[in-house]
Amino acid sequence: MKLLGLHHVSILTGKAERNFQFYTKILGLRLIKKTVNQDNTESYHLFYGDAKGSPGTEITFFDIPGLGHTYPGVGSISSTSLRVKDTKALHYWEDRFKQFGIQYGQIEKRNNRDSLAFQDYEGTRLVLVADNGEEGVRAGVPWDKTDVPVEHAIIGLGPVTLTVGVPDKTVKVLTEVLGFTQAGTYPSLAGDFPDILVFTTGEGGSGAEVHIETRPDLPRERPGRGSVHHVAFRVPNEEEYDYWVQRIAASGLMNSGKVERYYFKALYIREPNHILFELSTDTPGFDVDEPIETLGEKLALPPFLEPRRADIEAKLRPLELDSK
C-alpha cells in the first residue's frame, strides 16, 4: 500500500485575522474550514484549500496570539510549496507580490521545476512551483471567487522541504517505514552544502514529494509564528489507515495511535530528527458537516465537541472573517 502524496501542512500563526487576509485576499485560496484546535479548543484552526477542499490542497494554521519569532534551524519542515499551472503563472505572482509589498525571491530551479520563493507577513517560508504539464498527483480545483485569474491560481500543495543535521535516520523512516522512494537530487540553493535529496510516493509529481536538506551548520529550530507544526500524508480510506496504524506500531516509532479528527482519521509520528509527520485519510472530507457552497463561513465543530459549543465559543476570542 502506498501513501498517495501530501494531505495538508499545518503552520503556526500569531494573528488569525491577518493570516486570513493574506491567504484568501492575496493568495486567493478558499477558507474551507473555520474550527478549533481539537487539542486546545481555546485556539482557532483555519484550513485553506481549493474550491472543493480536496485532500492535497490544504494549508492550515493554528492561531496562537502573541507567538514569538521562529529561529530557523534543523529538525524542521523549513519550506512549504504551493502548485501553480505553469511558469507564466510565476511571472503573474512576481507582479502581484510586488504590488502588495510581499517579500519574494527570483524564479529559479528546484528539482528541475521553475519555482518562486516568498514569505507571508509572519515569515512563513513558502515556494510557488510550476507544474508545466508534469504528470503525477492530480491538482486541485481553482477557487474562482477571487481576483486571482483562474489560470494563475494556486492548485494544491507541492513539495515540502525537511532541514536536518544528519539525514540518514529520516531517510530510513521515509523509505523503510512510509514507503517513499528516492527520485533524485538537486544542488543546494543555500551554498556549499550537500545536494538536496528528493523522495516520492504514490503517483509522484509535485504533490507527492518530500525534499531533505542537510545543514550540519545550523542549530535546532526554535519554533514560533510561521513555523510548520507538521506535514500530513494521504491515506485513501479507513481500511488502509488501519494497515498503517499497525505498520507504524510495529516500527517502534513514537506515535499517537488512532486519532479521530472527524474530517479525517489521523496518526502522528515523531521521526528521529524530531519532525512531526501525520497520516490522514482522504475520507470523509471537509464537506461532511457543511455544504461545499458554504464551507468555512461558520464555526464548525466535530460532533464530539458540539455539546460543548457554548463553552467553547465563550472562551474563544472574537474572530470576524469575511469568508465570502
Protein backbone atom coordinates (compact mmCIF):
# COMPACT_ATOMS: atom_id res chain seq x y z
CA MET A 1 0.00 0.00 0.00
CA LYS A 2 1.29 3.44 -0.93
CA LEU A 3 0.66 6.83 0.59
CA LEU A 4 -0.96 8.96 -2.11
CA GLY A 5 1.01 12.16 -1.53
CA LEU A 6 0.69 15.26 0.62
CA HIS A 7 -2.60 15.76 2.50
CA HIS A 8 -2.02 19.04 4.37
CA VAL A 9 0.62 21.15 6.07
CA SER A 10 -0.14 22.80 9.44
CA ILE A 11 1.63 26.02 10.50
CA LEU A 12 1.57 28.40 13.48
CA THR A 13 0.20 31.93 13.22
CA GLY A 14 0.20 34.71 15.80
CA LYS A 15 -2.77 36.54 14.29
CA ALA A 16 -5.58 34.72 12.51
CA GLU A 17 -7.13 37.89 11.06
CA ARG A 18 -4.00 38.93 9.17
CA ASN A 19 -3.35 35.33 8.22
CA PHE A 20 -6.85 35.14 6.70
CA GLN A 21 -6.28 38.33 4.74
CA PHE A 22 -3.01 37.04 3.30
CA TYR A 23 -4.12 33.55 2.29
CA THR A 24 -7.54 34.49 0.90
CA LYS A 25 -7.21 38.08 -0.34
CA ILE A 26 -3.61 37.92 -1.63
CA LEU A 27 -3.02 34.23 -2.40
CA GLY A 28 -6.62 33.65 -3.48
CA LEU A 29 -7.18 30.44 -1.53
CA ARG A 30 -10.55 29.45 -0.12
CA LEU A 31 -11.19 29.28 3.62
CA ILE A 32 -12.67 25.78 3.72
CA LYS A 33 -12.95 25.22 7.46
CA LYS A 34 -13.05 27.54 10.46
CA THR A 35 -12.82 25.32 13.50
CA VAL A 36 -10.80 24.91 16.71
CA ASN A 37 -7.61 23.13 17.62
CA GLN A 38 -9.10 19.89 18.95
CA ASP A 39 -6.22 19.59 21.44
CA ASN A 40 -6.73 23.17 22.70
CA THR A 41 -10.25 24.35 21.98
CA GLU A 42 -9.46 27.92 23.06
CA SER A 43 -7.43 28.27 19.83
CA TYR A 44 -8.75 28.56 16.27
CA HIS A 45 -7.68 26.20 13.49
CA LEU A 46 -8.12 27.60 9.97
CA PHE A 47 -7.95 25.48 6.82
CA TYR A 48 -7.35 26.97 3.35
CA GLY A 49 -7.53 24.99 0.13
CA ASP A 50 -9.01 24.67 -3.33
CA ALA A 51 -12.64 25.21 -4.36
CA LYS A 52 -13.76 21.82 -3.01
CA GLY A 53 -11.47 21.35 -0.03
CA SER A 54 -9.74 18.50 -1.83
CA PRO A 55 -7.13 16.41 0.03
CA GLY A 56 -3.67 17.55 -1.03
CA THR A 57 -4.60 21.23 -1.29
CA GLU A 58 -4.85 22.29 2.37
CA ILE A 59 -2.54 24.61 4.21
CA THR A 60 -3.77 25.05 7.78
CA PHE A 61 -2.95 27.36 10.70
CA PHE A 62 -3.16 27.10 14.47
CA ASP A 63 -3.87 30.57 15.88
CA ILE A 64 -1.70 31.38 18.92
CA PRO A 65 -1.86 35.14 19.66
CA GLY A 66 1.38 36.66 20.94
CA LEU A 67 3.54 33.91 19.47
CA GLY A 68 7.20 34.91 19.10
CA HIS A 69 9.61 34.59 16.17
CA THR A 70 10.76 31.40 14.52
CA TYR A 71 14.52 30.90 14.68
CA PRO A 72 15.25 28.65 11.65
CA GLY A 73 17.29 25.52 12.03
CA VAL A 74 17.40 21.75 11.75
CA GLY A 75 14.70 19.36 12.86
CA SER A 76 12.20 21.40 10.89
CA ILE A 77 9.86 21.50 7.93
CA SER A 78 11.64 24.51 6.51
CA SER A 79 9.51 25.35 3.47
CA THR A 80 6.11 24.54 2.01
CA SER A 81 5.41 24.61 -1.72
CA LEU A 82 2.19 25.58 -3.47
CA ARG A 83 1.47 24.46 -7.03
CA VAL A 84 0.54 26.68 -9.97
CA LYS A 85 -0.19 25.68 -13.55
CA ASP A 86 2.92 26.96 -15.32
CA THR A 87 5.86 29.36 -15.39
CA LYS A 88 3.64 32.09 -16.81
CA ALA A 89 1.75 32.00 -13.51
CA LEU A 90 5.01 32.59 -11.63
CA HIS A 91 5.52 35.84 -13.54
CA TYR A 92 1.97 36.86 -12.61
CA TRP A 93 2.80 36.22 -8.95
CA GLU A 94 6.01 38.23 -9.16
CA ASP A 95 3.93 41.23 -10.21
CA ARG A 96 1.28 40.57 -7.55
CA PHE A 97 3.82 40.23 -4.76
CA LYS A 98 5.44 43.48 -5.83
CA GLN A 99 2.03 45.18 -5.86
CA PHE A 100 1.27 44.05 -2.28
CA GLY A 101 4.76 44.56 -0.88
CA ILE A 102 5.35 40.84 -0.28
CA GLN A 103 8.92 39.61 0.18
CA TYR A 104 9.89 37.28 -2.67
CA GLY A 105 12.95 35.90 -4.45
CA GLN A 106 13.69 35.12 -8.05
CA ILE A 107 12.41 32.40 -10.33
CA GLU A 108 14.88 29.50 -10.09
CA LYS A 109 15.03 25.74 -10.49
CA ARG A 110 14.21 23.32 -7.69
CA ASN A 111 14.33 19.68 -8.79
CA ASN A 112 14.12 20.84 -12.43
CA ARG A 113 10.92 22.81 -11.79
CA ASP A 114 10.59 26.59 -12.06
CA SER A 115 9.86 27.98 -8.62
CA LEU A 116 9.45 31.27 -6.78
CA ALA A 117 10.17 31.60 -3.05
CA PHE A 118 8.23 34.13 -0.93
CA GLN A 119 7.15 34.78 2.66
CA ASP A 120 3.92 35.77 4.31
CA TYR A 121 3.68 38.56 6.90
CA GLU A 122 4.95 36.27 9.66
CA GLY A 123 7.97 34.94 7.81
CA THR A 124 6.42 31.61 6.79
CA ARG A 125 8.74 30.26 4.11
CA LEU A 126 6.73 29.37 1.02
CA VAL A 127 7.54 28.41 -2.56
CA LEU A 128 5.37 28.54 -5.67
CA VAL A 129 6.23 25.70 -8.03
CA ALA A 130 5.10 25.39 -11.67
CA ASP A 131 3.58 22.12 -12.91
CA ASN A 132 4.19 22.86 -16.61
CA GLY A 133 2.25 19.76 -17.67
CA GLU A 134 4.10 17.35 -15.40
CA GLU A 135 2.30 14.10 -14.67
CA GLY A 136 1.66 12.85 -11.15
CA VAL A 137 -0.81 13.59 -8.37
CA ARG A 138 -3.76 15.49 -9.79
CA ALA A 139 -4.04 19.18 -8.99
CA GLY A 140 -6.98 20.71 -7.15
CA VAL A 141 -9.83 22.85 -8.47
CA PRO A 142 -9.04 26.59 -8.63
CA TRP A 143 -11.16 28.86 -6.42
CA ASP A 144 -12.82 31.37 -8.75
CA LYS A 145 -14.35 33.73 -6.15
CA THR A 146 -11.21 35.88 -6.01
CA ASP A 147 -9.41 38.44 -8.15
CA VAL A 148 -6.62 35.94 -8.95
CA PRO A 149 -7.21 34.72 -12.52
CA VAL A 150 -8.12 31.01 -12.58
CA GLU A 151 -5.25 30.24 -14.95
CA HIS A 152 -2.76 31.54 -12.39
CA ALA A 153 -4.45 30.18 -9.26
CA ILE A 154 -2.81 28.05 -6.60
CA ILE A 155 -3.98 24.47 -7.19
CA GLY A 156 -2.54 22.41 -4.37
CA LEU A 157 0.45 21.55 -2.25
CA GLY A 158 3.86 20.96 -3.76
CA PRO A 159 6.99 19.50 -2.14
CA VAL A 160 7.83 20.13 1.49
CA THR A 161 11.47 20.55 2.49
CA LEU A 162 12.81 19.00 5.69
CA THR A 163 16.01 20.51 7.06
CA VAL A 164 18.12 18.18 9.20
CA GLY A 165 21.68 17.94 10.50
CA VAL A 166 22.16 14.28 9.58
CA PRO A 167 19.64 12.82 7.10
CA ASP A 168 20.18 9.07 7.46
CA LYS A 169 17.53 8.27 10.08
CA THR A 170 14.88 10.46 8.43
CA VAL A 171 15.62 8.83 5.08
CA LYS A 172 15.22 5.41 6.71
CA VAL A 173 11.78 6.32 8.08
CA LEU A 174 10.62 7.71 4.74
CA THR A 175 11.81 4.73 2.71
CA GLU A 176 11.65 1.70 5.01
CA VAL A 177 8.56 2.62 7.03
CA LEU A 178 6.48 5.03 4.91
CA GLY A 179 7.33 3.52 1.52
CA PHE A 180 8.79 6.57 -0.24
CA THR A 181 11.42 6.02 -2.93
CA GLN A 182 14.35 8.27 -3.74
CA ALA A 183 13.75 10.02 -7.05
CA GLY A 184 16.88 12.13 -7.41
CA THR A 185 18.87 15.05 -6.05
CA TYR A 186 19.47 18.70 -6.88
CA PRO A 187 22.02 21.30 -5.75
CA SER A 188 21.51 23.18 -2.51
CA LEU A 189 20.32 26.75 -3.01
CA ALA A 190 21.95 27.81 0.28
CA GLY A 191 25.58 27.45 -0.71
CA ASP A 192 28.25 24.76 -0.43
CA PHE A 193 26.15 22.08 1.24
CA PRO A 194 25.17 18.52 0.27
CA ASP A 195 22.70 18.09 -2.56
CA ILE A 196 19.04 18.07 -1.58
CA LEU A 197 17.52 14.58 -1.63
CA VAL A 198 14.16 14.03 -3.36
CA PHE A 199 11.71 11.34 -2.22
CA THR A 200 8.38 10.49 -3.80
CA THR A 201 5.31 8.33 -3.20
CA GLY A 202 2.05 7.36 -4.92
CA GLU A 203 1.70 8.66 -8.47
CA GLY A 204 4.61 11.03 -7.91
CA GLY A 205 4.92 14.56 -9.17
CA SER A 206 4.94 17.80 -7.26
CA GLY A 207 2.11 16.86 -4.90
CA ALA A 208 3.85 13.72 -3.65
CA GLU A 209 7.39 14.79 -2.83
CA VAL A 210 9.50 15.33 0.28
CA HIS A 211 12.88 17.06 -0.10
CA ILE A 212 15.60 16.65 2.52
CA GLU A 213 18.13 19.44 3.01
CA THR A 214 21.25 18.63 5.05
CA ARG A 215 22.55 21.59 7.08
CA PRO A 216 25.04 20.47 9.76
CA ASP A 217 25.97 24.14 10.35
CA LEU A 218 22.58 25.11 11.79
CA PRO A 219 21.26 24.85 15.37
CA ARG A 220 17.94 23.20 16.08
CA GLU A 221 14.93 25.27 15.06
CA ARG A 222 13.20 27.31 17.75
CA PRO A 223 9.58 27.39 16.54
CA GLY A 224 7.33 30.42 16.60
CA ARG A 225 4.97 32.21 14.23
CA GLY A 226 5.42 30.93 10.68
CA SER A 227 6.91 27.64 11.85
CA VAL A 228 5.50 24.44 10.37
CA HIS A 229 3.98 22.19 13.04
CA HIS A 230 3.58 19.05 10.89
CA VAL A 231 3.12 17.65 7.41
CA ALA A 232 0.40 15.10 6.69
CA PHE A 233 0.41 12.40 4.01
CA ARG A 234 -2.66 10.98 2.30
CA VAL A 235 -4.21 7.60 3.11
CA PRO A 236 -7.17 6.86 0.79
CA ASN A 237 -9.55 5.16 3.23
CA GLU A 238 -10.07 3.62 6.66
CA GLU A 239 -9.02 0.13 5.60
CA GLU A 240 -5.59 1.36 4.56
CA TYR A 241 -5.47 3.60 7.63
CA ASP A 242 -5.80 0.50 9.83
CA TYR A 243 -2.90 -1.07 7.93
CA TRP A 244 -0.71 1.98 8.58
CA VAL A 245 -1.63 2.09 12.27
CA GLN A 246 -0.40 -1.49 12.61
CA ARG A 247 2.69 -0.85 10.49
CA ILE A 248 3.73 2.20 12.49
CA ALA A 249 3.14 0.41 15.79
CA ALA A 250 5.38 -2.45 14.61
CA SER A 251 8.10 0.01 13.55
CA GLY A 252 8.74 1.15 17.11
CA LEU A 253 8.46 4.82 16.15
CA MET A 254 6.96 7.23 18.68
CA ASN A 255 3.35 7.67 17.54
CA SER A 256 -0.10 8.74 18.69
CA GLY A 257 -2.10 5.68 17.77
CA LYS A 258 -5.51 6.27 16.23
CA VAL A 259 -6.83 9.84 16.46
CA GLU A 260 -10.33 10.80 15.31
CA ARG A 261 -10.42 14.28 13.76
CA TYR A 262 -13.90 13.76 12.23
CA TYR A 263 -12.94 15.30 8.87
CA PHE A 264 -10.23 12.64 8.61
CA LYS A 265 -8.62 10.00 10.77
CA ALA A 266 -5.09 10.82 11.87
CA LEU A 267 -1.94 9.10 13.05
CA TYR A 268 1.01 11.20 14.25
CA ILE A 269 4.63 10.04 14.05
CA ARG A 270 7.68 11.73 15.56
CA GLU A 271 10.68 10.71 13.44
CA PRO A 272 14.27 10.62 14.83
CA ASN A 273 15.13 14.20 13.77
CA HIS A 274 12.10 15.40 15.79
CA ILE A 275 9.95 16.27 12.75
CA LEU A 276 6.25 15.50 13.13
CA PHE A 277 4.57 13.51 10.37
CA GLU A 278 0.87 12.72 10.17
CA LEU A 279 -1.02 10.14 8.14
CA SER A 280 -4.52 11.39 7.28
CA THR A 281 -7.40 9.72 5.46
CA ASP A 282 -8.99 11.34 2.42
CA THR A 283 -12.36 10.39 3.88
CA PRO A 284 -14.88 11.57 4.91
CA GLY A 285 -13.70 15.08 3.90
CA PHE A 286 -14.40 18.68 4.83
CA ASP A 287 -17.93 18.73 3.41
CA VAL A 288 -19.16 16.08 5.87
CA ASP A 289 -20.80 18.78 8.03
CA GLU A 290 -21.14 21.75 5.67
CA PRO A 291 -22.33 22.10 2.07
CA ILE A 292 -19.46 22.74 -0.34
CA GLU A 293 -21.13 26.04 -1.28
CA THR A 294 -20.76 27.45 2.26
CA LEU A 295 -17.55 25.86 3.52
CA GLY A 296 -15.73 27.95 6.10
CA GLU A 297 -18.47 30.50 6.72
CA LYS A 298 -19.35 29.41 10.27
CA LEU A 299 -17.50 27.92 13.23
CA ALA A 300 -17.57 24.17 12.58
CA LEU A 301 -17.19 21.71 15.44
CA PRO A 302 -16.97 17.92 15.16
CA PRO A 303 -19.84 16.01 16.82
CA PHE A 304 -17.75 15.12 19.88
CA LEU A 305 -17.22 18.84 20.59
CA GLU A 306 -20.69 20.06 19.59
CA PRO A 307 -22.21 19.55 23.09
CA ARG A 308 -19.56 21.98 24.40
CA ARG A 309 -20.21 24.64 21.73
CA ALA A 310 -21.49 27.34 24.12
CA ASP A 311 -18.49 26.93 26.43
CA ILE A 312 -16.03 26.78 23.52
CA GLU A 313 -17.45 29.89 21.85
CA ALA A 314 -17.40 31.76 25.17
CA LYS A 315 -13.68 31.10 25.61
CA LEU A 316 -12.65 31.86 22.01
CA ARG A 317 -11.64 35.42 21.28
CA PRO A 318 -13.96 37.14 18.75
CA LEU A 319 -12.83 36.46 15.19
CA GLU A 320 -14.65 38.17 12.33
CA LEU A 321 -13.62 36.84 8.95
CA ASP A 322 -15.33 37.78 5.71
CA SER A 323 -15.15 34.39 4.01
CA LYS A 324 -17.44 35.28 1.10
